[in-house]
């Protein structure tokens, strides 16, 4: 039985406190993880884990062995990173997670350009609105649009995208134009929804005064594109990032409402695990993406200051 895999199993069981969870992360069955640990204990002639129905803890020998296992695994990871960083040509698998909230029409061309440039890299792209643990799920980096990013990983802000309330001319012809945020309570609000408890609360600020409005309506979705299409059909008012509606605002197929109010913004971030050495495949993608939407990360490249 491969000792390296057995050591990984021990490290995962201790880290996650569960054989079942360790098995899920490793992509094997829980009995297989039990066999891995049993093989180590048989080779060492000592029990490594104290197990009961409700608890799991390291023995004294297990603590010493686990510390060395973790150090060895970290040394191997660093050695691989050094080798990857010194490779002149990007190669291998590059696993990227892209926020579903961020329009793929913006980041998609970057992904395709990278793939065309680097034929030795196998690009694996996952689109998700859910929080993804990059380290545990093996992602090299992520591109996310968020108003409340919280992570211990390395982050680089690429740009800012304002949030704007807007509706189609046909909708505004049939319904009175909202003059203050509270007027939205009498409108059909098409709301983006995610795991945040305040995702259906729209915030507006003017002259230092904040207004919070519950976005009530006939459609809630985790897709900005679906909400935009509903608004274009005259079905209601949406609160959208400029990166998703700037073309429609310029064309006049959507019109901004409550323009005197600041509705907040999203930051567009590049996120990747903190490592001493970045593999060439990762570094080359960062270089390609860096500056794609301007050099000022606090500026909104999708907004020209006059309604997009």
C-alpha atoms as a PDB file:
ATOM      1  CA  UNK A   1       0.000   0.000   0.000  1.00  0.00           C
ATOM      2  CA  UNK A   2       1.372   3.431  -0.978  1.00  0.00           C
ATOM      3  CA  UNK A   3       2.782   5.110   2.133  1.00  0.00           C
ATOM      4  CA  UNK A   4       2.359   8.624   0.715  1.00  0.00           C
ATOM      5  CA  UNK A   5      -1.400   8.057   0.272  1.00  0.00           C
ATOM      6  CA  UNK A   6      -1.590   6.654   3.798  1.00  0.00           C
ATOM      7  CA  UNK A   7       0.103   9.779   5.161  1.00  0.00           C
ATOM      8  CA  UNK A   8      -2.311  11.994   3.220  1.00  0.00           C
ATOM      9  CA  UNK A   9      -5.193  10.008   4.707  1.00  0.00           C
ATOM     10  CA  UNK A  10      -3.923  10.545   8.247  1.00  0.00           C
ATOM     11  CA  UNK A  11      -3.419  14.260   7.666  1.00  0.00           C
ATOM     12  CA  UNK A  12      -6.933  14.625   6.214  1.00  0.00           C
ATOM     13  CA  UNK A  13      -8.602  12.645   9.005  1.00  0.00           C
ATOM     14  CA  UNK A  14      -6.946  14.776  11.677  1.00  0.00           C
ATOM     15  CA  UNK A  15      -7.609  18.026   9.814  1.00  0.00           C
ATOM     16  CA  UNK A  16     -11.281  17.274   9.166  1.00  0.00           C
ATOM     17  CA  UNK A  17     -12.003  15.215  12.280  1.00  0.00           C
ATOM     18  CA  UNK A  18     -13.881  12.622  10.264  1.00  0.00           C
ATOM     19  CA  UNK A  19     -13.083   9.500   8.272  1.00  0.00           C
ATOM     20  CA  UNK A  20     -16.124  10.073   6.065  1.00  0.00           C
ATOM     21  CA  UNK A  21     -15.164  13.673   5.267  1.00  0.00           C
ATOM     22  CA  UNK A  22     -11.540  12.698   4.643  1.00  0.00           C
ATOM     23  CA  UNK A  23     -12.741   9.986   2.261  1.00  0.00           C
ATOM     24  CA  UNK A  24     -14.947  12.492   0.402  1.00  0.00           C
ATOM     25  CA  UNK A  25     -12.058  14.920  -0.047  1.00  0.00           C
ATOM     26  CA  UNK A  26      -9.744  12.141  -1.240  1.00  0.00           C
ATOM     27  CA  UNK A  27     -12.339  10.643  -3.567  1.00  0.00           C
ATOM     28  CA  UNK A  28     -12.298   7.199  -1.944  1.00  0.00           C
ATOM     29  CA  UNK A  29     -14.574   5.255   0.399  1.00  0.00           C
ATOM     30  CA  UNK A  30     -14.488   5.616   4.191  1.00  0.00           C
ATOM     31  CA  UNK A  31     -13.459   1.927   4.624  1.00  0.00           C
ATOM     32  CA  UNK A  32     -10.519   2.634   2.315  1.00  0.00           C
ATOM     33  CA  UNK A  33      -9.371   5.493   4.556  1.00  0.00           C
ATOM     34  CA  UNK A  34      -9.659   3.151   7.531  1.00  0.00           C
ATOM     35  CA  UNK A  35      -7.401   0.700   5.697  1.00  0.00           C
ATOM     36  CA  UNK A  36      -4.844   3.436   5.003  1.00  0.00           C
ATOM     37  CA  UNK A  37      -4.657   4.352   8.698  1.00  0.00           C
ATOM     38  CA  UNK A  38      -4.596   0.691   9.709  1.00  0.00           C
ATOM     39  CA  UNK A  39      -1.682   0.053   7.359  1.00  0.00           C
ATOM     40  CA  UNK A  40       0.337   2.847   8.988  1.00  0.00           C
ATOM     41  CA  UNK A  41      -0.472   1.572  12.479  1.00  0.00           C
ATOM     42  CA  UNK A  42       0.527  -1.973  11.502  1.00  0.00           C
ATOM     43  CA  UNK A  43       3.835  -0.818  10.022  1.00  0.00           C
ATOM     44  CA  UNK A  44       4.643   1.353  13.036  1.00  0.00           C
ATOM     45  CA  UNK A  45       3.400  -1.151  15.577  1.00  0.00           C
ATOM     46  CA  UNK A  46       1.561   1.617  17.413  1.00  0.00           C
ATOM     47  CA  UNK A  47      -1.936   3.021  17.476  1.00  0.00           C
ATOM     48  CA  UNK A  48      -2.095   6.511  15.951  1.00  0.00           C
ATOM     49  CA  UNK A  49      -5.708   7.425  16.640  1.00  0.00           C
ATOM     50  CA  UNK A  50      -8.075   6.999  19.545  1.00  0.00           C
ATOM     51  CA  UNK A  51     -11.508   6.387  18.017  1.00  0.00           C
ATOM     52  CA  UNK A  52     -14.941   6.240  19.577  1.00  0.00           C
ATOM     53  CA  UNK A  53     -18.461   6.783  18.300  1.00  0.00           C
ATOM     54  CA  UNK A  54     -18.382  10.516  18.994  1.00  0.00           C
ATOM     55  CA  UNK A  55     -14.724  11.512  19.186  1.00  0.00           C
ATOM     56  CA  UNK A  56     -11.407  11.211  17.402  1.00  0.00           C
ATOM     57  CA  UNK A  57      -7.995  12.116  18.831  1.00  0.00           C
ATOM     58  CA  UNK A  58      -4.315  11.432  18.250  1.00  0.00           C
ATOM     59  CA  UNK A  59      -2.346   9.216  20.584  1.00  0.00           C
ATOM     60  CA  UNK A  60       1.014  10.485  21.848  1.00  0.00           C
ATOM     61  CA  UNK A  61       2.775   8.519  19.128  1.00  0.00           C
ATOM     62  CA  UNK A  62       0.143   9.717  16.657  1.00  0.00           C
ATOM     63  CA  UNK A  63       0.846  13.363  17.480  1.00  0.00           C
ATOM     64  CA  UNK A  64       4.563  12.970  16.775  1.00  0.00           C
ATOM     65  CA  UNK A  65       3.970  11.002  13.578  1.00  0.00           C
ATOM     66  CA  UNK A  66       1.239  13.371  12.363  1.00  0.00           C
ATOM     67  CA  UNK A  67       3.513  16.407  12.809  1.00  0.00           C
ATOM     68  CA  UNK A  68       6.189  14.790  10.674  1.00  0.00           C
ATOM     69  CA  UNK A  69       3.621  13.718   8.053  1.00  0.00           C
ATOM     70  CA  UNK A  70       2.326  17.263   7.710  1.00  0.00           C
ATOM     71  CA  UNK A  71       5.865  18.600   7.380  1.00  0.00           C
ATOM     72  CA  UNK A  72       6.722  16.016   4.717  1.00  0.00           C
ATOM     73  CA  UNK A  73       3.552  16.784   2.738  1.00  0.00           C
ATOM     74  CA  UNK A  74       4.271  20.513   2.917  1.00  0.00           C
ATOM     75  CA  UNK A  75       7.846  19.920   1.751  1.00  0.00           C
ATOM     76  CA  UNK A  76       6.581  17.892  -1.206  1.00  0.00           C
ATOM     77  CA  UNK A  77       4.066  20.606  -2.124  1.00  0.00           C
ATOM     78  CA  UNK A  78       6.809  23.247  -1.965  1.00  0.00           C
ATOM     79  CA  UNK A  79       9.159  21.110  -4.057  1.00  0.00           C
ATOM     80  CA  UNK A  80       6.467  20.751  -6.715  1.00  0.00           C
ATOM     81  CA  UNK A  81       5.816  24.485  -6.608  1.00  0.00           C
ATOM     82  CA  UNK A  82       9.519  25.270  -7.041  1.00  0.00           C
ATOM     83  CA  UNK A  83       9.744  22.891  -9.983  1.00  0.00           C
ATOM     84  CA  UNK A  84       6.642  24.431 -11.533  1.00  0.00           C
ATOM     85  CA  UNK A  85       7.868  27.975 -10.947  1.00  0.00           C
ATOM     86  CA  UNK A  86      11.169  27.212 -12.672  1.00  0.00           C
ATOM     87  CA  UNK A  87       9.517  25.673 -15.705  1.00  0.00           C
ATOM     88  CA  UNK A  88       9.924  28.034 -18.650  1.00  0.00           C
ATOM     89  CA  UNK A  89       6.791  26.775 -20.403  1.00  0.00           C
ATOM     90  CA  UNK A  90       3.370  26.665 -18.697  1.00  0.00           C
ATOM     91  CA  UNK A  91       2.190  23.085 -18.590  1.00  0.00           C
ATOM     92  CA  UNK A  92      -0.061  20.748 -16.648  1.00  0.00           C
ATOM     93  CA  UNK A  93      -3.608  21.294 -15.396  1.00  0.00           C
ATOM     94  CA  UNK A  94      -4.841  24.789 -14.452  1.00  0.00           C
ATOM     95  CA  UNK A  95      -8.035  24.629 -12.413  1.00  0.00           C
ATOM     96  CA  UNK A  96      -9.965  27.915 -12.214  1.00  0.00           C
ATOM     97  CA  UNK A  97     -13.228  28.823 -10.484  1.00  0.00           C
ATOM     98  CA  UNK A  98     -15.188  31.757 -11.926  1.00  0.00           C
ATOM     99  CA  UNK A  99     -17.973  33.478 -10.015  1.00  0.00           C
ATOM    100  CA  UNK A 100     -21.343  32.878 -11.650  1.00  0.00           C
ATOM    101  CA  UNK A 101     -22.218  36.472 -10.774  1.00  0.00           C
ATOM    102  CA  UNK A 102     -19.484  37.754 -13.082  1.00  0.00           C
ATOM    103  CA  UNK A 103     -20.516  37.808 -16.733  1.00  0.00           C
ATOM    104  CA  UNK A 104     -18.506  35.191 -18.647  1.00  0.00           C
ATOM    105  CA  UNK A 105     -18.504  37.510 -21.658  1.00  0.00           C
ATOM    106  CA  UNK A 106     -15.769  39.440 -19.821  1.00  0.00           C
ATOM    107  CA  UNK A 107     -13.569  36.703 -18.387  1.00  0.00           C
ATOM    108  CA  UNK A 108     -14.397  34.113 -21.057  1.00  0.00           C
ATOM    109  CA  UNK A 109     -12.217  35.723 -23.752  1.00  0.00           C
ATOM    110  CA  UNK A 110      -9.290  35.763 -21.306  1.00  0.00           C
ATOM    111  CA  UNK A 111      -9.723  32.050 -20.647  1.00  0.00           C
ATOM    112  CA  UNK A 112      -9.889  31.261 -24.357  1.00  0.00           C
ATOM    113  CA  UNK A 113      -6.884  33.468 -25.129  1.00  0.00           C
ATOM    114  CA  UNK A 114      -4.891  31.724 -22.407  1.00  0.00           C
ATOM    115  CA  UNK A 115      -5.891  28.315 -23.738  1.00  0.00           C
ATOM    116  CA  UNK A 116      -4.888  29.291 -27.287  1.00  0.00           C
ATOM    117  CA  UNK A 117      -1.500  30.634 -26.119  1.00  0.00           C
ATOM    118  CA  UNK A 118      -0.560  27.701 -23.899  1.00  0.00           C
ATOM    119  CA  UNK A 119      -1.314  24.416 -25.613  1.00  0.00           C
ATOM    120  CA  UNK A 120       0.530  22.404 -22.952  1.00  0.00           C
ATOM    121  CA  UNK A 121      -1.942  23.523 -20.263  1.00  0.00           C
ATOM    122  CA  UNK A 122      -5.201  21.693 -19.716  1.00  0.00           C
ATOM    123  CA  UNK A 123      -7.676  24.360 -18.578  1.00  0.00           C
ATOM    124  CA  UNK A 124     -10.429  23.254 -16.173  1.00  0.00           C
ATOM    125  CA  UNK A 125     -13.046  25.966 -15.519  1.00  0.00           C
ATOM    126  CA  UNK A 126     -15.838  25.747 -12.938  1.00  0.00           C
ATOM    127  CA  UNK A 127     -18.569  28.410 -12.820  1.00  0.00           C
ATOM    128  CA  UNK A 128     -20.218  28.683  -9.408  1.00  0.00           C
ATOM    129  CA  UNK A 129     -22.014  31.218  -7.211  1.00  0.00           C
ATOM    130  CA  UNK A 130     -21.164  29.231  -4.091  1.00  0.00           C
ATOM    131  CA  UNK A 131     -18.131  29.722  -1.898  1.00  0.00           C
ATOM    132  CA  UNK A 132     -15.444  27.308  -3.025  1.00  0.00           C
ATOM    133  CA  UNK A 133     -12.549  26.244  -0.809  1.00  0.00           C
ATOM    134  CA  UNK A 134      -9.746  26.616  -3.329  1.00  0.00           C
ATOM    135  CA  UNK A 135      -7.185  24.680  -1.310  1.00  0.00           C
ATOM    136  CA  UNK A 136      -9.385  21.733  -0.339  1.00  0.00           C
ATOM    137  CA  UNK A 137     -10.950  21.406  -3.802  1.00  0.00           C
ATOM    138  CA  UNK A 138      -7.654  21.771  -5.625  1.00  0.00           C
ATOM    139  CA  UNK A 139      -8.233  25.036  -7.490  1.00  0.00           C
ATOM    140  CA  UNK A 140      -5.229  27.066  -8.596  1.00  0.00           C
ATOM    141  CA  UNK A 141      -7.094  30.378  -8.574  1.00  0.00           C
ATOM    142  CA  UNK A 142     -10.512  32.028  -8.789  1.00  0.00           C
ATOM    143  CA  UNK A 143     -12.078  35.123 -10.330  1.00  0.00           C
ATOM    144  CA  UNK A 144     -14.919  36.429  -8.186  1.00  0.00           C
ATOM    145  CA  UNK A 145     -17.260  39.409  -8.123  1.00  0.00           C
ATOM    146  CA  UNK A 146     -18.251  40.227  -4.553  1.00  0.00           C
ATOM    147  CA  UNK A 147     -19.291  43.076  -2.296  1.00  0.00           C
ATOM    148  CA  UNK A 148     -18.151  41.285   0.870  1.00  0.00           C
ATOM    149  CA  UNK A 149     -15.129  39.149   0.094  1.00  0.00           C
ATOM    150  CA  UNK A 150     -13.702  37.345   3.129  1.00  0.00           C
ATOM    151  CA  UNK A 151     -10.766  35.031   2.640  1.00  0.00           C
ATOM    152  CA  UNK A 152      -7.357  34.222   4.076  1.00  0.00           C
ATOM    153  CA  UNK A 153      -5.992  33.600   0.595  1.00  0.00           C
ATOM    154  CA  UNK A 154      -4.032  36.033  -1.558  1.00  0.00           C
ATOM    155  CA  UNK A 155      -6.363  38.502  -3.275  1.00  0.00           C
ATOM    156  CA  UNK A 156      -5.804  41.055  -5.995  1.00  0.00           C
ATOM    157  CA  UNK A 157      -8.569  43.535  -6.821  1.00  0.00           C
ATOM    158  CA  UNK A 158      -8.808  43.938 -10.579  1.00  0.00           C
ATOM    159  CA  UNK A 159     -11.684  46.398 -10.966  1.00  0.00           C
ATOM    160  CA  UNK A 160     -14.883  47.770  -9.456  1.00  0.00           C
ATOM    161  CA  UNK A 161     -18.383  47.498 -10.908  1.00  0.00           C
ATOM    162  CA  UNK A 162     -21.136  49.817  -9.691  1.00  0.00           C
ATOM    163  CA  UNK A 163     -24.608  48.504  -8.928  1.00  0.00           C
ATOM    164  CA  UNK A 164     -27.379  50.332 -10.775  1.00  0.00           C
ATOM    165  CA  UNK A 165     -31.164  50.020 -10.596  1.00  0.00           C
ATOM    166  CA  UNK A 166     -32.721  49.915 -14.032  1.00  0.00           C
ATOM    167  CA  UNK A 167     -35.792  48.898 -16.022  1.00  0.00           C
ATOM    168  CA  UNK A 168     -36.948  48.854 -19.622  1.00  0.00           C
ATOM    169  CA  UNK A 169     -38.624  51.910 -21.213  1.00  0.00           C
ATOM    170  CA  UNK A 170     -41.778  49.786 -21.712  1.00  0.00           C
ATOM    171  CA  UNK A 171     -41.946  48.994 -17.979  1.00  0.00           C
ATOM    172  CA  UNK A 172     -41.377  52.626 -16.999  1.00  0.00           C
ATOM    173  CA  UNK A 173     -44.086  53.716 -19.427  1.00  0.00           C
ATOM    174  CA  UNK A 174     -46.619  51.517 -17.638  1.00  0.00           C
ATOM    175  CA  UNK A 175     -45.368  52.175 -14.095  1.00  0.00           C
ATOM    176  CA  UNK A 176     -44.479  55.418 -12.299  1.00  0.00           C
ATOM    177  CA  UNK A 177     -40.758  56.174 -12.157  1.00  0.00           C
ATOM    178  CA  UNK A 178     -39.454  55.621  -8.595  1.00  0.00           C
ATOM    179  CA  UNK A 179     -38.302  58.909  -7.081  1.00  0.00           C
ATOM    180  CA  UNK A 180     -37.029  57.520  -3.769  1.00  0.00           C
ATOM    181  CA  UNK A 181     -35.905  53.971  -2.849  1.00  0.00           C
ATOM    182  CA  UNK A 182     -39.071  53.338  -0.827  1.00  0.00           C
ATOM    183  CA  UNK A 183     -41.094  53.659  -4.060  1.00  0.00           C
ATOM    184  CA  UNK A 184     -39.619  50.310  -5.096  1.00  0.00           C
ATOM    185  CA  UNK A 185     -42.008  48.649  -2.627  1.00  0.00           C
ATOM    186  CA  UNK A 186     -44.703  49.348  -5.246  1.00  0.00           C
ATOM    187  CA  UNK A 187     -42.665  47.858  -8.091  1.00  0.00           C
ATOM    188  CA  UNK A 188     -41.881  44.323  -9.230  1.00  0.00           C
ATOM    189  CA  UNK A 189     -38.260  43.914  -8.143  1.00  0.00           C
ATOM    190  CA  UNK A 190     -36.293  41.161  -9.840  1.00  0.00           C
ATOM    191  CA  UNK A 191     -33.670  40.143  -7.285  1.00  0.00           C
ATOM    192  CA  UNK A 192     -30.355  38.335  -7.411  1.00  0.00           C
ATOM    193  CA  UNK A 193     -30.230  35.827  -4.586  1.00  0.00           C
ATOM    194  CA  UNK A 194     -27.267  34.075  -2.985  1.00  0.00           C
ATOM    195  CA  UNK A 195     -26.309  32.648   0.398  1.00  0.00           C
ATOM    196  CA  UNK A 196     -26.041  36.079   2.051  1.00  0.00           C
ATOM    197  CA  UNK A 197     -29.036  36.778   4.326  1.00  0.00           C
ATOM    198  CA  UNK A 198     -29.262  40.342   2.966  1.00  0.00           C
ATOM    199  CA  UNK A 199     -29.128  39.380  -0.714  1.00  0.00           C
ATOM    200  CA  UNK A 200     -32.724  40.572  -1.293  1.00  0.00           C
ATOM    201  CA  UNK A 201     -32.185  43.862   0.514  1.00  0.00           C
ATOM    202  CA  UNK A 202     -31.228  46.714  -1.792  1.00  0.00           C
ATOM    203  CA  UNK A 203     -29.214  49.495  -0.180  1.00  0.00           C
ATOM    204  CA  UNK A 204     -29.206  53.073  -1.439  1.00  0.00           C
ATOM    205  CA  UNK A 205     -27.223  56.020  -0.093  1.00  0.00           C
ATOM    206  CA  UNK A 206     -27.594  59.732  -0.741  1.00  0.00           C
ATOM    207  CA  UNK A 207     -26.110  62.657   1.163  1.00  0.00           C
ATOM    208  CA  UNK A 208     -24.968  60.362   3.953  1.00  0.00           C
ATOM    209  CA  UNK A 209     -28.405  58.793   4.468  1.00  0.00           C
ATOM    210  CA  UNK A 210     -28.937  55.068   3.882  1.00  0.00           C
ATOM    211  CA  UNK A 211     -32.145  53.395   2.776  1.00  0.00           C
ATOM    212  CA  UNK A 212     -32.697  49.640   2.825  1.00  0.00           C
ATOM    213  CA  UNK A 213     -35.491  48.257   0.651  1.00  0.00           C
ATOM    214  CA  UNK A 214     -36.731  44.680   0.591  1.00  0.00           C
ATOM    215  CA  UNK A 215     -36.694  43.623  -3.062  1.00  0.00           C
ATOM    216  CA  UNK A 216     -40.065  41.941  -3.508  1.00  0.00           C
ATOM    217  CA  UNK A 217     -41.206  40.590  -6.838  1.00  0.00           C
ATOM    218  CA  UNK A 218     -42.089  37.668  -9.059  1.00  0.00           C
ATOM    219  CA  UNK A 219     -38.552  36.502  -9.841  1.00  0.00           C
ATOM    220  CA  UNK A 220     -35.471  35.700  -7.804  1.00  0.00           C
ATOM    221  CA  UNK A 221     -32.454  34.047  -9.405  1.00  0.00           C
ATOM    222  CA  UNK A 222     -28.753  33.339  -9.043  1.00  0.00           C
ATOM    223  CA  UNK A 223     -28.241  34.406 -12.666  1.00  0.00           C
ATOM    224  CA  UNK A 224     -27.661  38.054 -13.506  1.00  0.00           C
ATOM    225  CA  UNK A 225     -28.223  37.230 -17.160  1.00  0.00           C
ATOM    226  CA  UNK A 226     -31.693  35.795 -16.501  1.00  0.00           C
ATOM    227  CA  UNK A 227     -32.651  38.843 -14.419  1.00  0.00           C
ATOM    228  CA  UNK A 228     -31.431  41.184 -17.156  1.00  0.00           C
ATOM    229  CA  UNK A 229     -33.454  39.340 -19.789  1.00  0.00           C
ATOM    230  CA  UNK A 230     -36.549  39.619 -17.597  1.00  0.00           C
ATOM    231  CA  UNK A 231     -35.987  43.355 -17.236  1.00  0.00           C
ATOM    232  CA  UNK A 232     -35.524  43.744 -20.996  1.00  0.00           C
ATOM    233  CA  UNK A 233     -38.921  42.058 -21.436  1.00  0.00           C
ATOM    234  CA  UNK A 234     -40.485  44.730 -19.247  1.00  0.00           C
ATOM    235  CA  UNK A 235     -41.111  42.479 -16.261  1.00  0.00           C
ATOM    236  CA  UNK A 236     -39.677  44.698 -13.522  1.00  0.00           C
ATOM    237  CA  UNK A 237     -36.797  46.609 -11.945  1.00  0.00           C
ATOM    238  CA  UNK A 238     -33.369  45.025 -11.489  1.00  0.00           C
ATOM    239  CA  UNK A 239     -30.307  45.975  -9.466  1.00  0.00           C
ATOM    240  CA  UNK A 240     -27.386  44.957 -11.636  1.00  0.00           C
ATOM    241  CA  UNK A 241     -23.610  45.412 -11.796  1.00  0.00           C
ATOM    242  CA  UNK A 242     -22.557  47.665 -14.642  1.00  0.00           C
ATOM    243  CA  UNK A 243     -20.499  44.867 -16.183  1.00  0.00           C
ATOM    244  CA  UNK A 244     -23.774  43.103 -17.007  1.00  0.00           C
ATOM    245  CA  UNK A 245     -25.933  46.002 -18.227  1.00  0.00           C
ATOM    246  CA  UNK A 246     -23.640  48.725 -19.575  1.00  0.00           C
ATOM    247  CA  UNK A 247     -24.356  47.846 -23.204  1.00  0.00           C
ATOM    248  CA  UNK A 248     -28.123  47.954 -22.649  1.00  0.00           C
ATOM    249  CA  UNK A 249     -27.866  51.259 -20.767  1.00  0.00           C
ATOM    250  CA  UNK A 250     -25.879  52.782 -23.651  1.00  0.00           C
ATOM    251  CA  UNK A 251     -28.341  51.417 -26.206  1.00  0.00           C
ATOM    252  CA  UNK A 252     -31.336  52.677 -24.204  1.00  0.00           C
ATOM    253  CA  UNK A 253     -32.985  49.253 -23.943  1.00  0.00           C
ATOM    254  CA  UNK A 254     -32.602  49.661 -20.172  1.00  0.00           C
ATOM    255  CA  UNK A 255     -32.849  52.956 -18.299  1.00  0.00           C
ATOM    256  CA  UNK A 256     -31.332  53.742 -14.942  1.00  0.00           C
ATOM    257  CA  UNK A 257     -33.668  54.732 -12.115  1.00  0.00           C
ATOM    258  CA  UNK A 258     -32.751  56.394  -8.828  1.00  0.00           C
ATOM    259  CA  UNK A 259     -29.624  57.721 -10.523  1.00  0.00           C
ATOM    260  CA  UNK A 260     -29.053  60.234  -7.707  1.00  0.00           C
ATOM    261  CA  UNK A 261     -28.468  57.383  -5.274  1.00  0.00           C
ATOM    262  CA  UNK A 262     -25.383  55.231  -4.702  1.00  0.00           C
ATOM    263  CA  UNK A 263     -26.455  51.582  -4.699  1.00  0.00           C
ATOM    264  CA  UNK A 264     -23.032  50.164  -3.840  1.00  0.00           C
ATOM    265  CA  UNK A 265     -20.612  48.182  -5.955  1.00  0.00           C
ATOM    266  CA  UNK A 266     -18.945  44.826  -6.501  1.00  0.00           C
ATOM    267  CA  UNK A 267     -15.219  44.244  -6.498  1.00  0.00           C
ATOM    268  CA  UNK A 268     -13.770  41.948  -9.148  1.00  0.00           C
ATOM    269  CA  UNK A 269     -11.038  39.888  -7.505  1.00  0.00           C
ATOM    270  CA  UNK A 270      -8.368  37.409  -8.450  1.00  0.00           C
ATOM    271  CA  UNK A 271      -7.848  34.909  -5.610  1.00  0.00           C
ATOM    272  CA  UNK A 272      -5.190  32.244  -5.232  1.00  0.00           C
ATOM    273  CA  UNK A 273      -3.567  30.245  -2.425  1.00  0.00           C
ATOM    274  CA  UNK A 274      -0.600  31.937  -0.799  1.00  0.00           C
ATOM    275  CA  UNK A 275       2.569  30.163  -1.846  1.00  0.00           C
ATOM    276  CA  UNK A 276       6.211  31.107  -1.827  1.00  0.00           C
ATOM    277  CA  UNK A 277       6.535  29.984  -5.424  1.00  0.00           C
ATOM    278  CA  UNK A 278       3.852  30.361  -8.089  1.00  0.00           C
ATOM    279  CA  UNK A 279       3.832  27.782 -10.847  1.00  0.00           C
ATOM    280  CA  UNK A 280       4.478  29.203 -14.312  1.00  0.00           C
ATOM    281  CA  UNK A 281       0.981  28.176 -15.433  1.00  0.00           C
ATOM    282  CA  UNK A 282      -0.554  30.252 -12.608  1.00  0.00           C
ATOM    283  CA  UNK A 283       1.788  33.209 -12.958  1.00  0.00           C
ATOM    284  CA  UNK A 284       1.193  33.445 -16.707  1.00  0.00           C
ATOM    285  CA  UNK A 285      -2.586  33.527 -16.214  1.00  0.00           C
ATOM    286  CA  UNK A 286      -2.283  36.264 -13.581  1.00  0.00           C
ATOM    287  CA  UNK A 287      -0.109  38.307 -15.945  1.00  0.00           C
ATOM    288  CA  UNK A 288      -2.657  37.909 -18.747  1.00  0.00           C
ATOM    289  CA  UNK A 289      -5.563  38.980 -16.542  1.00  0.00           C
ATOM    290  CA  UNK A 290      -3.752  41.792 -14.722  1.00  0.00           C
ATOM    291  CA  UNK A 291      -4.676  45.178 -16.166  1.00  0.00           C
ATOM    292  CA  UNK A 292      -7.382  43.700 -18.381  1.00  0.00           C
ATOM    293  CA  UNK A 293      -9.908  46.229 -17.028  1.00  0.00           C
ATOM    294  CA  UNK A 294      -7.576  49.160 -16.431  1.00  0.00           C
ATOM    295  CA  UNK A 295      -4.869  50.000 -13.938  1.00  0.00           C
ATOM    296  CA  UNK A 296      -7.051  51.480 -11.163  1.00  0.00           C
ATOM    297  CA  UNK A 297      -8.852  48.686  -9.283  1.00  0.00           C
ATOM    298  CA  UNK A 298     -11.186  51.204  -7.634  1.00  0.00           C
ATOM    299  CA  UNK A 299     -12.401  52.535 -10.995  1.00  0.00           C
ATOM    300  CA  UNK A 300     -15.402  51.146 -12.871  1.00  0.00           C
ATOM    301  CA  UNK A 301     -14.254  50.414 -16.445  1.00  0.00           C
ATOM    302  CA  UNK A 302     -17.831  49.627 -17.510  1.00  0.00           C
ATOM    303  CA  UNK A 303     -19.224  53.045 -16.536  1.00  0.00           C
ATOM    304  CA  UNK A 304     -18.564  56.362 -18.255  1.00  0.00           C
ATOM    305  CA  UNK A 305     -20.222  58.546 -15.640  1.00  0.00           C
ATOM    306  CA  UNK A 306     -23.279  59.410 -17.703  1.00  0.00           C
ATOM    307  CA  UNK A 307     -25.423  56.312 -17.327  1.00  0.00           C
ATOM    308  CA  UNK A 308     -22.818  53.903 -18.754  1.00  0.00           C
END
